[in-house]
Structure formats: structure tokens, C-alpha cells
């Protein structure tokens, strides 16, 4: 069961991060990006998918912070939004994905 107001809570958090842009995601939902790099996308009020390197993905899944994505050989994870604390976790992981993207931009820029 989806959590009511999820989209508004996540949108509110993302709007506070001035460097983030949002647009339609090619598989539905809304993706958030730092420049051209996606930090994650939201599917309605029920699911957030986030990209990480496989090592980080494995750590997230092992720690129970996220579930494996439907594409198991990718670095993506999924956060199913079943209760309010899941929304908080998804926002934390979006922020973590943003910080990783910023750090990697600094390393390559």
C-alpha cells in the first residue's frame, strides 16, 4: 500500500536542493538529475529507484536500506514506499546518491 502524500514530501525535499532538475523518466515517473546524471526516479507514491555502483548497491541491500532492483545485475536499488519511514529512507538515499554524484563530478572535472 502506498503512503499518502509521498510525492509531495519527496518533491519538497528535492526542491530544497538547488542543483537538482526534474523531468519525466523514460519508464514512467519523474527522474531527478544533477546535470545530466540521474540520481533517482520516483514511480508515483509507491517506489523510488536509485543508481549506485554495484559495491554500494550490495551494501545497501545487505544492510536492509533498499531492495534489489528488478534488473539484478545493475547497480540500481529500489525503495518500496509502504510506510512513512520508507519515504524518509528514500529521501536519505536520494541525498546520498546526490552526494556521490557531486563527489564523482569533482574527481572527473
N, C-alpha and C. Protein backbone atom coordinates (compact mmCIF):
# COMPACT_ATOMS: atom_id res chain seq x y z
N UNK A 1 0.84 -1.18 0.00
CA UNK A 1 0.00 0.00 0.00
C UNK A 1 0.89 1.24 0.00
N UNK A 2 0.58 2.17 -0.85
CA UNK A 2 1.36 3.41 -0.96
C UNK A 2 1.06 4.34 0.21
N UNK A 3 2.00 5.21 0.50
CA UNK A 3 1.87 6.18 1.58
C UNK A 3 1.31 7.47 1.01
N UNK A 4 0.25 7.98 1.59
CA UNK A 4 -0.36 9.22 1.12
C UNK A 4 0.60 10.39 1.28
N UNK A 5 0.66 11.25 0.26
CA UNK A 5 1.49 12.44 0.31
C UNK A 5 2.95 12.22 -0.01
N UNK A 6 3.28 11.02 -0.46
CA UNK A 6 4.67 10.69 -0.74
C UNK A 6 5.29 11.62 -1.77
N UNK A 7 4.61 11.79 -2.88
CA UNK A 7 5.14 12.62 -3.96
C UNK A 7 5.43 14.04 -3.46
N UNK A 8 4.54 14.60 -2.69
CA UNK A 8 4.72 15.95 -2.17
C UNK A 8 5.92 16.03 -1.23
N UNK A 9 6.09 15.03 -0.37
CA UNK A 9 7.23 15.03 0.56
C UNK A 9 8.55 14.93 -0.18
N UNK A 10 8.62 14.04 -1.15
CA UNK A 10 9.86 13.87 -1.90
C UNK A 10 10.12 15.11 -2.75
N UNK A 11 9.08 15.62 -3.43
CA UNK A 11 9.25 16.84 -4.23
C UNK A 11 9.73 18.00 -3.36
N UNK A 12 9.17 18.13 -2.17
CA UNK A 12 9.57 19.20 -1.26
C UNK A 12 11.04 19.11 -0.89
N UNK A 13 11.51 17.90 -0.63
CA UNK A 13 12.93 17.71 -0.30
C UNK A 13 13.80 18.06 -1.50
N UNK A 14 13.43 17.56 -2.66
CA UNK A 14 14.23 17.79 -3.87
C UNK A 14 14.27 19.27 -4.25
N UNK A 15 13.18 19.98 -4.04
CA UNK A 15 13.15 21.41 -4.38
C UNK A 15 14.12 22.20 -3.52
N UNK A 16 14.45 21.70 -2.35
CA UNK A 16 15.41 22.36 -1.48
C UNK A 16 16.86 22.16 -1.93
N UNK A 17 17.07 21.28 -2.88
CA UNK A 17 18.41 21.01 -3.39
C UNK A 17 18.54 21.74 -4.72
N UNK A 18 19.07 22.94 -4.70
CA UNK A 18 19.02 23.85 -5.84
C UNK A 18 19.67 23.30 -7.11
N UNK A 19 20.60 22.40 -6.99
CA UNK A 19 21.30 21.89 -8.17
C UNK A 19 20.55 20.78 -8.90
N UNK A 20 19.41 20.38 -8.38
CA UNK A 20 18.65 19.27 -8.95
C UNK A 20 17.60 19.76 -9.94
N UNK A 21 17.49 19.05 -11.06
CA UNK A 21 16.41 19.28 -12.01
C UNK A 21 15.56 18.01 -12.09
N UNK A 22 14.31 18.17 -12.45
CA UNK A 22 13.39 17.03 -12.57
C UNK A 22 12.77 17.02 -13.95
N UNK A 23 12.50 15.81 -14.44
CA UNK A 23 11.88 15.64 -15.75
C UNK A 23 11.21 14.27 -15.79
N UNK A 24 10.43 14.03 -16.83
CA UNK A 24 9.78 12.73 -16.99
C UNK A 24 10.84 11.66 -17.20
N UNK A 25 10.61 10.51 -16.58
CA UNK A 25 11.52 9.37 -16.73
C UNK A 25 11.04 8.50 -17.89
N UNK A 26 11.96 7.93 -18.62
CA UNK A 26 11.60 7.16 -19.82
C UNK A 26 10.74 5.93 -19.53
N UNK A 27 10.78 5.41 -18.30
CA UNK A 27 9.96 4.26 -17.94
C UNK A 27 8.81 4.64 -17.01
N UNK A 28 8.45 5.91 -17.01
CA UNK A 28 7.37 6.40 -16.16
C UNK A 28 7.90 7.03 -14.89
N UNK A 29 7.13 7.90 -14.32
CA UNK A 29 7.55 8.59 -13.11
C UNK A 29 8.35 9.84 -13.43
N UNK A 30 8.98 10.37 -12.40
CA UNK A 30 9.77 11.60 -12.50
C UNK A 30 11.19 11.30 -12.05
N UNK A 31 12.18 11.66 -12.88
CA UNK A 31 13.58 11.48 -12.51
C UNK A 31 14.17 12.79 -12.05
N UNK A 32 15.11 12.70 -11.15
CA UNK A 32 15.84 13.86 -10.64
C UNK A 32 17.29 13.72 -11.05
N UNK A 33 17.87 14.83 -11.51
CA UNK A 33 19.22 14.78 -12.07
C UNK A 33 20.11 15.89 -11.52
N UNK A 34 21.39 15.58 -11.47
CA UNK A 34 22.44 16.57 -11.24
C UNK A 34 23.12 16.71 -12.59
N UNK A 35 22.89 17.83 -13.25
CA UNK A 35 23.36 17.96 -14.63
C UNK A 35 22.67 16.92 -15.48
N UNK A 36 23.45 16.11 -16.17
CA UNK A 36 22.87 15.04 -17.00
C UNK A 36 22.82 13.70 -16.27
N UNK A 37 23.26 13.66 -15.04
CA UNK A 37 23.33 12.40 -14.30
C UNK A 37 22.09 12.22 -13.41
N UNK A 38 21.41 11.11 -13.61
CA UNK A 38 20.24 10.81 -12.80
C UNK A 38 20.67 10.36 -11.40
N UNK A 39 20.01 10.90 -10.37
CA UNK A 39 20.28 10.45 -9.01
C UNK A 39 19.18 9.51 -8.51
N UNK A 40 18.08 9.43 -9.25
CA UNK A 40 17.00 8.53 -8.88
C UNK A 40 15.71 8.96 -9.55
N UNK A 41 14.71 8.08 -9.50
CA UNK A 41 13.40 8.44 -10.02
C UNK A 41 12.31 7.84 -9.15
N UNK A 42 11.17 8.54 -9.15
CA UNK A 42 10.03 8.19 -8.31
C UNK A 42 8.90 7.69 -9.20
N UNK A 43 8.36 6.53 -8.84
CA UNK A 43 7.19 5.98 -9.54
C UNK A 43 5.98 6.19 -8.63
N UNK A 44 5.26 7.27 -8.85
CA UNK A 44 4.05 7.55 -8.07
C UNK A 44 4.32 7.65 -6.59
N UNK A 45 3.43 7.06 -5.80
CA UNK A 45 3.55 7.08 -4.34
C UNK A 45 4.04 5.75 -3.79
N UNK A 46 4.63 4.90 -4.65
CA UNK A 46 4.92 3.55 -4.17
C UNK A 46 6.36 3.08 -4.32
N UNK A 47 7.18 3.77 -5.12
CA UNK A 47 8.51 3.22 -5.41
C UNK A 47 9.49 4.31 -5.81
N UNK A 48 10.72 4.20 -5.29
CA UNK A 48 11.83 5.05 -5.72
C UNK A 48 12.97 4.13 -6.15
N UNK A 49 13.53 4.38 -7.32
CA UNK A 49 14.68 3.63 -7.83
C UNK A 49 15.89 4.55 -7.85
N UNK A 50 17.04 4.03 -7.41
CA UNK A 50 18.25 4.83 -7.31
C UNK A 50 19.45 4.09 -7.88
N UNK A 51 20.32 4.81 -8.61
CA UNK A 51 21.51 4.18 -9.18
C UNK A 51 22.73 4.32 -8.26
N UNK A 52 23.41 3.22 -8.06
CA UNK A 52 24.67 3.24 -7.31
C UNK A 52 25.64 2.29 -8.01
N UNK A 53 26.90 2.41 -7.67
CA UNK A 53 27.86 1.40 -8.11
C UNK A 53 27.48 0.09 -7.42
N UNK A 54 27.84 -1.03 -8.04
CA UNK A 54 27.41 -2.33 -7.51
C UNK A 54 27.87 -2.56 -6.07
N UNK A 55 29.06 -2.11 -5.73
CA UNK A 55 29.55 -2.29 -4.36
C UNK A 55 28.63 -1.59 -3.36
N UNK A 56 28.23 -0.36 -3.68
CA UNK A 56 27.34 0.40 -2.80
C UNK A 56 25.96 -0.24 -2.79
N UNK A 57 25.48 -0.66 -3.97
CA UNK A 57 24.19 -1.36 -4.05
C UNK A 57 24.18 -2.58 -3.13
N UNK A 58 25.25 -3.38 -3.19
CA UNK A 58 25.32 -4.57 -2.36
C UNK A 58 25.29 -4.22 -0.88
N UNK A 59 25.99 -3.16 -0.49
CA UNK A 59 25.99 -2.71 0.90
C UNK A 59 24.59 -2.27 1.33
N UNK A 60 23.89 -1.54 0.47
CA UNK A 60 22.54 -1.06 0.77
C UNK A 60 21.57 -2.22 0.97
N UNK A 61 21.66 -3.19 0.08
CA UNK A 61 20.76 -4.35 0.16
C UNK A 61 21.08 -5.19 1.39
N UNK A 62 22.36 -5.45 1.64
CA UNK A 62 22.77 -6.24 2.80
C UNK A 62 22.33 -5.59 4.11
N UNK A 63 22.43 -4.26 4.17
CA UNK A 63 22.05 -3.52 5.37
C UNK A 63 20.53 -3.35 5.51
N UNK A 64 19.78 -3.75 4.49
CA UNK A 64 18.33 -3.62 4.54
C UNK A 64 17.83 -2.21 4.26
N UNK A 65 18.69 -1.37 3.72
CA UNK A 65 18.29 0.02 3.43
C UNK A 65 17.53 0.13 2.12
N UNK A 66 17.63 -0.88 1.27
CA UNK A 66 16.95 -0.89 -0.02
C UNK A 66 16.82 -2.34 -0.49
N UNK A 67 15.97 -2.52 -1.48
CA UNK A 67 15.78 -3.84 -2.09
C UNK A 67 16.51 -3.89 -3.43
N UNK A 68 16.86 -5.08 -3.88
CA UNK A 68 17.46 -5.17 -5.21
C UNK A 68 16.47 -4.65 -6.26
N UNK A 69 16.98 -4.00 -7.27
CA UNK A 69 16.16 -3.51 -8.38
C UNK A 69 15.70 -4.68 -9.24
N UNK A 70 14.70 -4.47 -10.05
CA UNK A 70 14.19 -5.52 -10.93
C UNK A 70 15.26 -6.00 -11.92
N UNK A 71 16.25 -5.14 -12.21
CA UNK A 71 17.39 -5.53 -13.05
C UNK A 71 18.54 -5.92 -12.11
N UNK A 72 18.65 -7.19 -11.75
CA UNK A 72 19.55 -7.61 -10.67
C UNK A 72 21.04 -7.42 -10.95
N UNK A 73 21.44 -7.34 -12.20
CA UNK A 73 22.86 -7.18 -12.50
C UNK A 73 23.28 -5.73 -12.63
N UNK A 74 22.36 -4.82 -12.34
CA UNK A 74 22.68 -3.39 -12.40
C UNK A 74 23.09 -2.92 -11.00
N UNK A 75 23.48 -1.69 -10.88
CA UNK A 75 23.78 -1.11 -9.58
C UNK A 75 22.57 -0.46 -8.94
N UNK A 76 21.42 -0.57 -9.57
CA UNK A 76 20.21 0.09 -9.08
C UNK A 76 19.64 -0.62 -7.85
N UNK A 77 19.02 0.17 -6.98
CA UNK A 77 18.25 -0.36 -5.85
C UNK A 77 16.85 0.24 -5.91
N UNK A 78 15.94 -0.38 -5.19
CA UNK A 78 14.56 0.10 -5.10
C UNK A 78 14.18 0.28 -3.64
N UNK A 79 13.42 1.33 -3.38
CA UNK A 79 12.85 1.56 -2.05
C UNK A 79 11.34 1.55 -2.24
N UNK A 80 10.68 0.55 -1.64
CA UNK A 80 9.23 0.45 -1.72
C UNK A 80 8.64 1.30 -0.60
N UNK A 81 7.70 2.15 -0.95
CA UNK A 81 7.17 3.14 -0.02
C UNK A 81 5.87 2.61 0.61
N UNK A 82 6.03 1.84 1.67
CA UNK A 82 4.89 1.20 2.32
C UNK A 82 4.45 1.93 3.59
N UNK A 83 5.38 2.68 4.19
CA UNK A 83 5.08 3.44 5.41
C UNK A 83 5.91 4.71 5.41
N UNK A 84 5.57 5.64 6.30
CA UNK A 84 6.21 6.96 6.31
C UNK A 84 7.73 6.86 6.45
N UNK A 85 8.22 5.92 7.23
CA UNK A 85 9.67 5.79 7.41
C UNK A 85 10.37 5.39 6.11
N UNK A 86 9.66 4.70 5.23
CA UNK A 86 10.23 4.35 3.92
C UNK A 86 10.46 5.60 3.08
N UNK A 87 9.55 6.57 3.19
CA UNK A 87 9.70 7.83 2.46
C UNK A 87 10.93 8.56 2.98
N UNK A 88 11.10 8.59 4.31
CA UNK A 88 12.29 9.21 4.90
C UNK A 88 13.56 8.53 4.39
N UNK A 89 13.55 7.22 4.34
CA UNK A 89 14.72 6.46 3.85
C UNK A 89 15.00 6.77 2.39
N UNK A 90 13.95 6.87 1.59
CA UNK A 90 14.13 7.18 0.17
C UNK A 90 14.75 8.56 -0.01
N UNK A 91 14.30 9.53 0.78
CA UNK A 91 14.86 10.88 0.70
C UNK A 91 16.33 10.85 1.11
N UNK A 92 16.66 10.11 2.17
CA UNK A 92 18.06 9.99 2.60
C UNK A 92 18.92 9.38 1.49
N UNK A 93 18.40 8.35 0.82
CA UNK A 93 19.18 7.70 -0.24
C UNK A 93 19.29 8.59 -1.48
N UNK A 94 18.26 9.37 -1.78
CA UNK A 94 18.37 10.35 -2.87
C UNK A 94 19.47 11.35 -2.56
N UNK A 95 19.54 11.80 -1.31
CA UNK A 95 20.58 12.75 -0.89
C UNK A 95 21.96 12.09 -1.01
N UNK A 96 22.06 10.82 -0.59
CA UNK A 96 23.32 10.08 -0.68
C UNK A 96 23.74 9.93 -2.15
N UNK A 97 22.79 9.61 -3.01
CA UNK A 97 23.07 9.50 -4.45
C UNK A 97 23.56 10.84 -5.00
N UNK A 98 22.94 11.93 -4.56
CA UNK A 98 23.37 13.27 -4.98
C UNK A 98 24.80 13.54 -4.53
N UNK A 99 25.12 13.23 -3.28
CA UNK A 99 26.48 13.48 -2.76
C UNK A 99 27.52 12.67 -3.53
N UNK A 100 27.20 11.42 -3.84
CA UNK A 100 28.12 10.60 -4.63
C UNK A 100 28.31 11.23 -6.01
N UNK A 101 27.22 11.66 -6.64
CA UNK A 101 27.31 12.28 -7.96
C UNK A 101 28.18 13.54 -7.92
N UNK A 102 28.02 14.34 -6.87
CA UNK A 102 28.84 15.55 -6.73
C UNK A 102 30.31 15.19 -6.56
N UNK A 103 30.59 14.21 -5.70
CA UNK A 103 31.98 13.79 -5.46
C UNK A 103 32.62 13.27 -6.74
N UNK A 104 31.88 12.47 -7.50
CA UNK A 104 32.43 11.91 -8.73
C UNK A 104 32.62 12.99 -9.79
N UNK A 105 31.75 14.00 -9.82
CA UNK A 105 31.95 15.13 -10.74
C UNK A 105 33.24 15.87 -10.40
N UNK A 106 33.52 16.04 -9.11
CA UNK A 106 34.75 16.73 -8.69
C UNK A 106 35.98 15.93 -9.08
N UNK A 107 35.89 14.59 -8.98
CA UNK A 107 37.03 13.74 -9.32
C UNK A 107 37.32 13.75 -10.81
N UNK A 108 36.27 13.86 -11.64
CA UNK A 108 36.47 13.82 -13.08
C UNK A 108 36.54 15.20 -13.71
N UNK A 109 36.11 16.23 -12.98
CA UNK A 109 36.03 17.59 -13.54
C UNK A 109 37.24 18.33 -13.37
